[in-house]
Amino acid sequence: MKRTAPAALLLAPGARGPKPASRSPRGGGRPAPLLETSLWEEYFRCYRALREELNGVLRRHGMLLTEFWTLKLLHEEPATLTRVAQSLGLTAGALTTLARGLEERGWVQRTRHPLDRRAFLLSLTPRGSRAALDAREEYRTRLLELSRRISPEGRRSLARGLSELQVALGTGNDAPVGETLPRKGPARTGGGSL
């Protein structure tokens, strides 16, 4: 996988980097915010690289990141297809394909929602719980290894910035994510939360 350095690291020693602002291509004479634009480009580069890194870890366990996150979500409690789609940012079609694949592997089971016969409920099977728990340790270890490469202050700044971004986008912890069905019966076994 090709790795790219942040734009600031690509400058030769003594180079000054890009001009602080350039003129908007639409005219109007207003400066285009280069710093903000390059910040988002760096964010997306990092996101893609992190996703690929974690997919590499999870492939060894027969799954990809979206599948792992689905199993992780269902480990907490069964959920409607709508909630899973909203939580993972998937379209209905993408979720249907994902759920079908997980169901074919015996990791989830799809049943009619007991209170709304139009809706489906996904729940984790014991086999799916084992698959997620098997992948969990290597996934967590890799995330810790990567985070240790960032200074403590850098991690705090990153966490603060991402929290502020979630609030700005309306996706913070208090944002609605859809309906869930409370779990009935004893808690799941399998080694704790994912």
Protein backbone atom coordinates (compact mmCIF):
# COMPACT_ATOMS: atom_id res chain seq x y z
CA MET A 1 0.00 0.00 0.00
CA LYS A 2 1.38 3.38 -0.97
CA ARG A 3 1.83 5.67 2.00
CA THR A 4 1.89 9.42 1.63
CA ALA A 5 3.41 11.88 4.04
CA PRO A 6 1.40 14.84 5.30
CA ALA A 7 1.78 17.85 3.04
CA ALA A 8 3.96 19.67 5.59
CA LEU A 9 6.50 16.82 5.52
CA LEU A 10 6.79 16.88 1.74
CA LEU A 11 8.48 20.29 1.72
CA ALA A 12 12.19 20.50 1.14
CA PRO A 13 14.22 22.00 4.00
CA GLY A 14 13.91 25.77 3.87
CA ALA A 15 10.84 25.69 1.60
CA ARG A 16 8.01 27.92 2.62
CA GLY A 17 5.10 25.81 1.44
CA PRO A 18 1.92 26.99 -0.24
CA LYS A 19 0.80 30.57 -0.16
CA PRO A 20 -1.58 31.20 2.73
CA ALA A 21 -4.51 31.79 0.40
CA SER A 22 -5.33 31.81 -3.27
CA ARG A 23 -8.10 33.45 -5.20
CA SER A 24 -11.33 31.56 -5.56
CA PRO A 25 -11.72 29.97 -9.03
CA ARG A 26 -15.21 31.47 -9.22
CA GLY A 27 -13.88 34.98 -8.98
CA GLY A 28 -15.26 37.36 -6.43
CA GLY A 29 -11.79 38.06 -5.06
CA ARG A 30 -12.32 36.05 -1.86
CA PRO A 31 -9.39 33.91 -0.70
CA ALA A 32 -9.88 30.13 -0.81
CA PRO A 33 -9.06 28.54 2.59
CA LEU A 34 -6.07 26.37 1.69
CA LEU A 35 -5.41 25.27 5.24
CA GLU A 36 -8.96 24.02 5.74
CA THR A 37 -8.96 22.28 2.35
CA SER A 38 -5.65 20.51 2.96
CA LEU A 39 -6.82 19.55 6.46
CA TRP A 40 -9.77 17.64 4.96
CA GLU A 41 -7.57 16.06 2.33
CA GLU A 42 -5.25 14.82 5.08
CA TYR A 43 -8.23 13.56 7.09
CA PHE A 44 -9.51 11.51 4.13
CA ARG A 45 -6.01 10.17 3.36
CA CYS A 46 -5.66 9.05 6.98
CA TYR A 47 -9.16 7.56 7.02
CA ARG A 48 -8.46 5.51 3.89
CA ALA A 49 -5.08 4.34 5.20
CA LEU A 50 -6.54 3.39 8.60
CA ARG A 51 -9.45 1.56 6.99
CA GLU A 52 -7.06 -0.43 4.80
CA GLU A 53 -4.78 -1.19 7.76
CA LEU A 54 -7.67 -2.50 9.85
CA ASN A 55 -9.17 -4.41 6.93
CA GLY A 56 -5.80 -6.17 6.60
CA VAL A 57 -6.01 -7.24 10.24
CA LEU A 58 -9.62 -8.37 9.95
CA ARG A 59 -9.14 -10.25 6.67
CA ARG A 60 -7.11 -12.77 8.66
CA HIS A 61 -10.37 -13.46 10.52
CA GLY A 62 -12.50 -13.70 7.38
CA MET A 63 -14.14 -10.30 7.65
CA LEU A 64 -13.80 -6.64 6.78
CA LEU A 65 -14.23 -3.55 8.93
CA THR A 66 -17.92 -2.98 8.14
CA GLU A 67 -18.69 -6.61 8.98
CA PHE A 68 -16.73 -6.38 12.24
CA TRP A 69 -18.54 -3.17 13.21
CA THR A 70 -21.88 -4.82 12.44
CA LEU A 71 -21.01 -7.79 14.67
CA LYS A 72 -19.78 -5.36 17.35
CA LEU A 73 -23.06 -3.43 17.22
CA LEU A 74 -25.12 -6.63 17.39
CA HIS A 75 -22.99 -7.95 20.27
CA GLU A 76 -24.58 -5.23 22.40
CA GLU A 77 -28.14 -6.14 21.42
CA PRO A 78 -30.24 -7.14 18.42
CA ALA A 79 -31.01 -4.21 16.14
CA THR A 80 -33.31 -3.33 13.28
CA LEU A 81 -31.84 -3.12 9.82
CA THR A 82 -32.59 0.61 9.93
CA ARG A 83 -30.53 1.10 13.09
CA VAL A 84 -27.58 -0.88 11.72
CA ALA A 85 -27.69 1.09 8.45
CA GLN A 86 -27.83 4.43 10.29
CA SER A 87 -25.11 3.48 12.76
CA LEU A 88 -22.72 2.40 10.01
CA GLY A 89 -23.72 4.98 7.40
CA LEU A 90 -24.86 2.35 4.89
CA THR A 91 -27.58 2.48 2.28
CA ALA A 92 -30.43 -0.01 2.52
CA GLY A 93 -29.06 -1.91 -0.48
CA ALA A 94 -25.54 -2.13 0.96
CA LEU A 95 -26.89 -3.32 4.29
CA THR A 96 -29.05 -5.97 2.64
CA THR A 97 -25.98 -7.35 0.86
CA LEU A 98 -23.92 -7.17 4.06
CA ALA A 99 -26.62 -8.87 6.16
CA ARG A 100 -27.07 -11.61 3.56
CA GLY A 101 -23.33 -12.36 3.61
CA LEU A 102 -23.20 -12.44 7.42
CA GLU A 103 -26.29 -14.66 7.48
CA GLU A 104 -24.76 -17.08 4.94
CA ARG A 105 -21.71 -17.47 7.19
CA GLY A 106 -23.95 -18.18 10.16
CA TRP A 107 -22.82 -15.04 12.02
CA VAL A 108 -26.22 -13.29 12.21
CA GLN A 109 -29.83 -14.29 12.01
CA ARG A 110 -32.52 -12.15 10.42
CA THR A 111 -36.05 -12.38 11.87
CA ARG A 112 -39.22 -10.35 11.71
CA HIS A 113 -39.42 -7.66 14.38
CA PRO A 114 -41.91 -8.88 17.01
CA LEU A 115 -43.58 -5.47 17.36
CA ASP A 116 -43.41 -4.29 13.73
CA ARG A 117 -43.95 -7.12 11.26
CA ARG A 118 -42.73 -4.87 8.40
CA ALA A 119 -39.25 -4.58 9.94
CA PHE A 120 -36.46 -7.10 10.29
CA LEU A 121 -34.28 -7.60 13.31
CA LEU A 122 -30.66 -8.73 13.11
CA SER A 123 -29.21 -10.67 15.99
CA LEU A 124 -25.81 -12.19 16.56
CA THR A 125 -25.51 -15.96 16.60
CA PRO A 126 -23.08 -17.76 18.93
CA ARG A 127 -20.90 -18.42 15.86
CA GLY A 128 -20.93 -14.70 15.00
CA SER A 129 -20.08 -13.77 18.56
CA ARG A 130 -17.07 -16.13 18.48
CA ALA A 131 -15.92 -14.70 15.12
CA ALA A 132 -16.07 -11.14 16.45
CA LEU A 133 -14.36 -12.02 19.72
CA ASP A 134 -11.61 -13.87 17.83
CA ALA A 135 -10.91 -10.76 15.71
CA ARG A 136 -11.29 -8.28 18.57
CA GLU A 137 -7.90 -8.73 20.22
CA GLU A 138 -5.84 -8.29 17.07
CA TYR A 139 -8.03 -5.32 16.03
CA ARG A 140 -7.55 -3.60 19.41
CA THR A 141 -3.84 -4.38 19.49
CA ARG A 142 -3.32 -2.79 16.08
CA LEU A 143 -5.28 0.32 17.07
CA LEU A 144 -3.17 0.66 20.23
CA GLU A 145 0.07 0.24 18.25
CA LEU A 146 -1.01 2.97 15.86
CA SER A 147 -2.15 5.34 18.61
CA ARG A 148 1.16 4.95 20.45
CA ARG A 149 2.88 6.46 17.42
CA ILE A 150 1.06 9.72 18.19
CA SER A 151 2.20 11.85 21.10
CA PRO A 152 -0.13 12.09 24.12
CA GLU A 153 -0.86 15.73 23.25
CA GLY A 154 -1.52 14.74 19.63
CA ARG A 155 -4.00 12.08 20.77
CA ARG A 156 -5.79 14.58 23.02
CA SER A 157 -5.95 17.12 20.19
CA LEU A 158 -7.21 14.49 17.76
CA ALA A 159 -9.90 13.31 20.20
CA ARG A 160 -10.95 16.89 20.89
CA GLY A 161 -11.09 17.74 17.18
CA LEU A 162 -13.06 14.64 16.26
CA SER A 163 -15.53 15.27 19.11
CA GLU A 164 -16.04 18.82 17.89
CA LEU A 165 -16.53 17.55 14.34
CA GLN A 166 -19.18 15.08 15.54
CA VAL A 167 -21.04 17.87 17.32
CA ALA A 168 -20.79 20.13 14.24
CA LEU A 169 -22.20 17.33 12.09
CA GLY A 170 -24.91 16.47 14.60
CA THR A 171 -23.58 12.94 15.12
CA GLY A 172 -22.42 13.21 18.72
CA ASN A 173 -23.36 10.69 21.38
CA ASP A 174 -26.76 12.27 21.96
CA ALA A 175 -27.82 12.08 18.29
CA PRO A 176 -30.63 9.59 17.57
CA VAL A 177 -29.47 6.46 15.77
CA GLY A 178 -32.74 4.60 15.27
CA GLU A 179 -34.81 2.15 17.20
CA THR A 180 -33.52 -0.88 19.03
CA LEU A 181 -35.28 -3.69 20.75
CA PRO A 182 -34.29 -4.19 24.37
CA ARG A 183 -32.55 -7.50 24.96
CA LYS A 184 -34.61 -10.09 26.80
CA GLY A 185 -33.24 -12.96 28.80
CA PRO A 186 -29.73 -13.47 30.10
CA ALA A 187 -26.79 -11.42 28.90
CA ARG A 188 -24.75 -12.84 26.03
CA THR A 189 -21.84 -15.03 26.85
CA GLY A 190 -18.60 -14.86 24.99
CA GLY A 191 -16.10 -12.77 26.83
CA GLY A 192 -17.51 -9.31 27.41
CA SER A 193 -18.06 -6.35 25.19
CA LEU A 194 -16.39 -5.84 21.86
